[in-house]
Amino acid sequence: MTPRQIEKIKKKIRSIRATLVAEKRKFGCFDDSRGLRYVPPGLFIKINDFKGGLTYLNWFEKNFSDDIGMPDFLFEWLIILFKTKNIKKAERKAFQVFFANSYLFDKYFGRPIEPIEKYEYSNLTSPEFTEYFNYSSDQNELADFSDWLKAFENSEQFVRIKNNFIMTTKKLKKVNDRETRSFLLAHLKQIESELN
């Protein structure tokens, strides 16, 4: 990437931030129905400015604290945390990515996507979402990240929590009883909250 291309991307990032800040100033809150807030992390990754990406994500977390995030956005957040050596936070974010879409890591590593008969709370969690996912372990600039993620995915902790999550979502798919569903949904929340 040429210095001119890098500067063009930096200008786009600044423009997005300025648009978001102007919206808040004008309306007293963010009205980002276009989803501009999700764009900068991918741009920071493109220009290898992981420190800048982390600064943006800290700002995002402060200003959009209740935003659950899109699965691909969370994956970019994961890359940035790893590249800035925030390994403990990256581990927690890897779980968050998996909970958001349990097929994303398979897509990233080029493994076959095998749909699981489990509860999917939105189209973001479905196997079809991975069609729009553009990151791959074949990307040379992500080689160190890929090695780390592969090792973490095979860790005892990840496998245990992954299996618990999958088992619970499979049960949720088959249960109609309100009390049992409430119990299983509470269990899912507990699995996720244990990581924070």
Protein backbone atom coordinates (compact mmCIF):
# COMPACT_ATOMS: atom_id res chain seq x y z
CA MET A 1 0.00 0.00 0.00
CA THR A 2 1.39 3.39 -1.01
CA PRO A 3 1.65 6.36 1.39
CA ARG A 4 -1.04 8.08 -0.69
CA GLN A 5 -3.44 5.12 -0.29
CA ILE A 6 -2.75 5.02 3.45
CA GLU A 7 -3.46 8.74 3.76
CA LYS A 8 -6.72 8.31 1.83
CA ILE A 9 -7.84 5.62 4.31
CA LYS A 10 -6.82 7.77 7.29
CA LYS A 11 -8.86 10.62 5.82
CA LYS A 12 -11.88 8.30 5.54
CA ILE A 13 -11.48 7.26 9.20
CA ARG A 14 -11.31 10.91 10.30
CA SER A 15 -14.40 11.69 8.21
CA ILE A 16 -16.39 8.87 9.83
CA ARG A 17 -15.39 9.99 13.33
CA ALA A 18 -16.28 13.60 12.48
CA THR A 19 -19.70 12.54 11.13
CA LEU A 20 -20.46 10.53 14.28
CA VAL A 21 -19.35 13.32 16.61
CA ALA A 22 -21.38 15.88 14.62
CA GLU A 23 -24.48 13.67 14.93
CA LYS A 24 -24.10 13.51 18.69
CA ARG A 25 -23.56 17.25 18.90
CA LYS A 26 -26.64 17.92 16.77
CA PHE A 27 -29.05 15.34 18.22
CA GLY A 28 -27.63 14.80 21.70
CA CYS A 29 -27.10 11.13 20.90
CA PHE A 30 -25.76 8.94 18.10
CA ASP A 31 -28.20 8.15 15.28
CA ASP A 32 -26.00 5.82 13.27
CA SER A 33 -28.57 3.78 11.37
CA ARG A 34 -26.06 3.51 8.50
CA GLY A 35 -23.66 1.58 10.71
CA LEU A 36 -20.71 3.93 10.11
CA ARG A 37 -19.40 3.12 13.58
CA TYR A 38 -18.55 -0.43 12.43
CA VAL A 39 -16.32 0.66 9.51
CA PRO A 40 -13.10 2.07 11.09
CA PRO A 41 -11.64 -1.14 12.64
CA GLY A 42 -11.40 -2.79 9.20
CA LEU A 43 -9.73 0.34 7.82
CA PHE A 44 -7.21 0.42 10.68
CA ILE A 45 -6.39 -3.24 10.02
CA LYS A 46 -5.96 -2.51 6.31
CA ILE A 47 -3.25 0.09 7.07
CA ASN A 48 -1.73 -1.92 9.96
CA ASP A 49 -2.48 0.87 12.45
CA PHE A 50 -3.48 -1.36 15.35
CA LYS A 51 -2.73 1.26 18.00
CA GLY A 52 -5.06 3.68 16.20
CA GLY A 53 -7.63 0.89 15.97
CA LEU A 54 -7.43 0.28 19.70
CA THR A 55 -7.89 3.99 20.42
CA TYR A 56 -10.98 3.98 18.21
CA LEU A 57 -12.38 0.85 19.89
CA ASN A 58 -11.88 2.39 23.35
CA TRP A 59 -13.85 5.42 22.10
CA PHE A 60 -16.49 3.07 20.62
CA GLU A 61 -16.84 1.17 23.91
CA LYS A 62 -17.31 4.41 25.81
CA ASN A 63 -19.89 5.85 23.38
CA PHE A 64 -21.72 2.67 22.32
CA SER A 65 -21.52 0.67 25.54
CA ASP A 66 -24.79 -1.20 24.92
CA ASP A 67 -23.94 -2.11 21.30
CA ILE A 68 -23.50 -5.89 20.95
CA GLY A 69 -21.70 -5.44 17.62
CA MET A 70 -21.80 -7.37 14.37
CA PRO A 71 -19.84 -10.67 14.31
CA ASP A 72 -17.31 -9.42 11.71
CA PHE A 73 -16.82 -6.18 13.67
CA LEU A 74 -16.15 -8.21 16.82
CA PHE A 75 -13.65 -10.30 14.84
CA GLU A 76 -11.81 -7.14 13.77
CA TRP A 77 -11.81 -6.04 17.41
CA LEU A 78 -10.26 -9.41 18.27
CA ILE A 79 -7.49 -8.91 15.67
CA ILE A 80 -6.71 -5.44 17.03
CA LEU A 81 -6.58 -6.66 20.63
CA PHE A 82 -4.18 -9.44 19.65
CA LYS A 83 -1.99 -7.15 17.53
CA THR A 84 -1.72 -4.66 20.42
CA LYS A 85 -0.71 -7.49 22.80
CA ASN A 86 -3.91 -7.32 24.89
CA ILE A 87 -4.01 -11.12 25.06
CA LYS A 88 -6.36 -11.56 28.04
CA LYS A 89 -8.87 -9.18 26.45
CA ALA A 90 -8.38 -10.96 23.12
CA GLU A 91 -9.27 -14.29 24.77
CA ARG A 92 -12.53 -12.83 26.10
CA LYS A 93 -13.26 -11.25 22.72
CA ALA A 94 -12.66 -14.61 20.97
CA PHE A 95 -15.50 -16.07 23.05
CA GLN A 96 -17.68 -13.08 22.23
CA VAL A 97 -17.01 -13.63 18.51
CA PHE A 98 -17.87 -17.32 18.86
CA PHE A 99 -21.12 -16.54 20.71
CA ALA A 100 -22.03 -13.95 18.04
CA ASN A 101 -21.50 -16.44 15.20
CA SER A 102 -20.16 -19.91 15.93
CA TYR A 103 -19.24 -20.48 12.26
CA LEU A 104 -16.87 -17.52 11.82
CA PHE A 105 -13.72 -19.32 12.95
CA ASP A 106 -14.46 -22.20 10.58
CA LYS A 107 -14.80 -19.73 7.72
CA TYR A 108 -11.59 -17.94 8.74
CA PHE A 109 -9.59 -21.17 8.76
CA GLY A 110 -11.17 -22.45 5.53
CA ARG A 111 -12.92 -25.35 7.23
CA PRO A 112 -16.25 -26.63 5.91
CA ILE A 113 -19.24 -24.80 7.37
CA GLU A 114 -21.48 -27.46 8.89
CA PRO A 115 -24.78 -26.03 10.18
CA ILE A 116 -25.60 -27.04 13.74
CA GLU A 117 -29.20 -27.73 14.76
CA LYS A 118 -29.20 -25.05 17.43
CA TYR A 119 -31.05 -21.92 18.48
CA GLU A 120 -30.04 -18.95 16.32
CA TYR A 121 -31.42 -15.72 17.76
CA SER A 122 -30.90 -13.73 14.53
CA ASN A 123 -29.60 -14.00 10.97
CA LEU A 124 -26.25 -12.69 12.27
CA THR A 125 -25.69 -16.00 14.08
CA SER A 126 -26.51 -18.20 11.08
CA PRO A 127 -24.02 -19.99 8.79
CA GLU A 128 -25.18 -17.77 5.88
CA PHE A 129 -23.67 -14.70 7.57
CA THR A 130 -20.18 -16.08 6.87
CA GLU A 131 -20.69 -15.51 3.12
CA TYR A 132 -19.97 -11.83 3.77
CA PHE A 133 -16.89 -12.45 5.94
CA ASN A 134 -13.68 -11.35 4.22
CA TYR A 135 -10.86 -12.42 6.56
CA SER A 136 -8.83 -15.58 6.05
CA SER A 137 -5.96 -17.36 7.76
CA ASP A 138 -4.26 -17.28 4.34
CA GLN A 139 -3.58 -13.56 4.74
CA ASN A 140 0.18 -13.24 5.42
CA GLU A 141 -0.24 -10.17 7.62
CA LEU A 142 -2.46 -12.22 9.96
CA ALA A 143 -0.13 -15.24 10.26
CA ASP A 144 0.80 -14.55 13.91
CA PHE A 145 -2.85 -13.94 14.78
CA SER A 146 -3.88 -17.17 13.02
CA ASP A 147 -1.32 -19.22 14.97
CA TRP A 148 -2.52 -17.74 18.25
CA LEU A 149 -6.22 -18.18 17.44
CA LYS A 150 -5.74 -21.80 16.36
CA ALA A 151 -3.93 -22.58 19.62
CA PHE A 152 -6.54 -20.75 21.70
CA GLU A 153 -9.38 -22.52 19.90
CA ASN A 154 -7.83 -25.85 20.92
CA SER A 155 -7.26 -24.83 24.54
CA GLU A 156 -9.08 -26.75 27.29
CA GLN A 157 -10.93 -23.60 28.39
CA PHE A 158 -12.20 -22.73 24.91
CA VAL A 159 -13.28 -26.29 24.08
CA ARG A 160 -15.13 -26.64 27.41
CA ILE A 161 -17.02 -23.34 27.10
CA LYS A 162 -17.68 -23.89 23.38
CA ASN A 163 -19.19 -27.33 24.07
CA ASN A 164 -21.32 -25.95 26.91
CA PHE A 165 -22.58 -23.13 24.65
CA ILE A 166 -23.38 -25.49 21.73
CA MET A 167 -25.09 -28.03 23.99
CA THR A 168 -27.28 -25.33 25.56
CA THR A 169 -28.24 -23.76 22.21
CA LYS A 170 -29.10 -27.22 20.83
CA LYS A 171 -31.45 -27.79 23.76
CA LEU A 172 -32.99 -24.34 23.26
CA LYS A 173 -33.82 -25.21 19.65
CA LYS A 174 -35.92 -28.20 20.76
CA VAL A 175 -37.67 -26.79 23.84
CA ASN A 176 -40.99 -24.97 23.80
CA ASP A 177 -41.75 -25.00 27.52
CA ARG A 178 -41.45 -21.40 28.79
CA GLU A 179 -39.88 -22.28 32.14
CA THR A 180 -37.24 -24.56 30.58
CA ARG A 181 -36.46 -21.97 27.88
CA SER A 182 -36.04 -19.28 30.56
CA PHE A 183 -33.67 -21.56 32.46
CA LEU A 184 -31.61 -22.30 29.32
CA LEU A 185 -31.48 -18.62 28.30
CA ALA A 186 -30.32 -17.73 31.81
CA HIS A 187 -27.65 -20.43 31.52
CA LEU A 188 -26.43 -18.90 28.23
CA LYS A 189 -26.20 -15.49 29.89
CA GLN A 190 -24.24 -17.07 32.74
CA ILE A 191 -21.78 -18.68 30.29
CA GLU A 192 -21.22 -15.29 28.64
CA SER A 193 -21.04 -13.28 31.88
CA GLU A 194 -18.40 -15.59 33.40
CA LEU A 195 -15.94 -14.26 30.80
CA ASN A 196 -16.34 -10.56 31.74
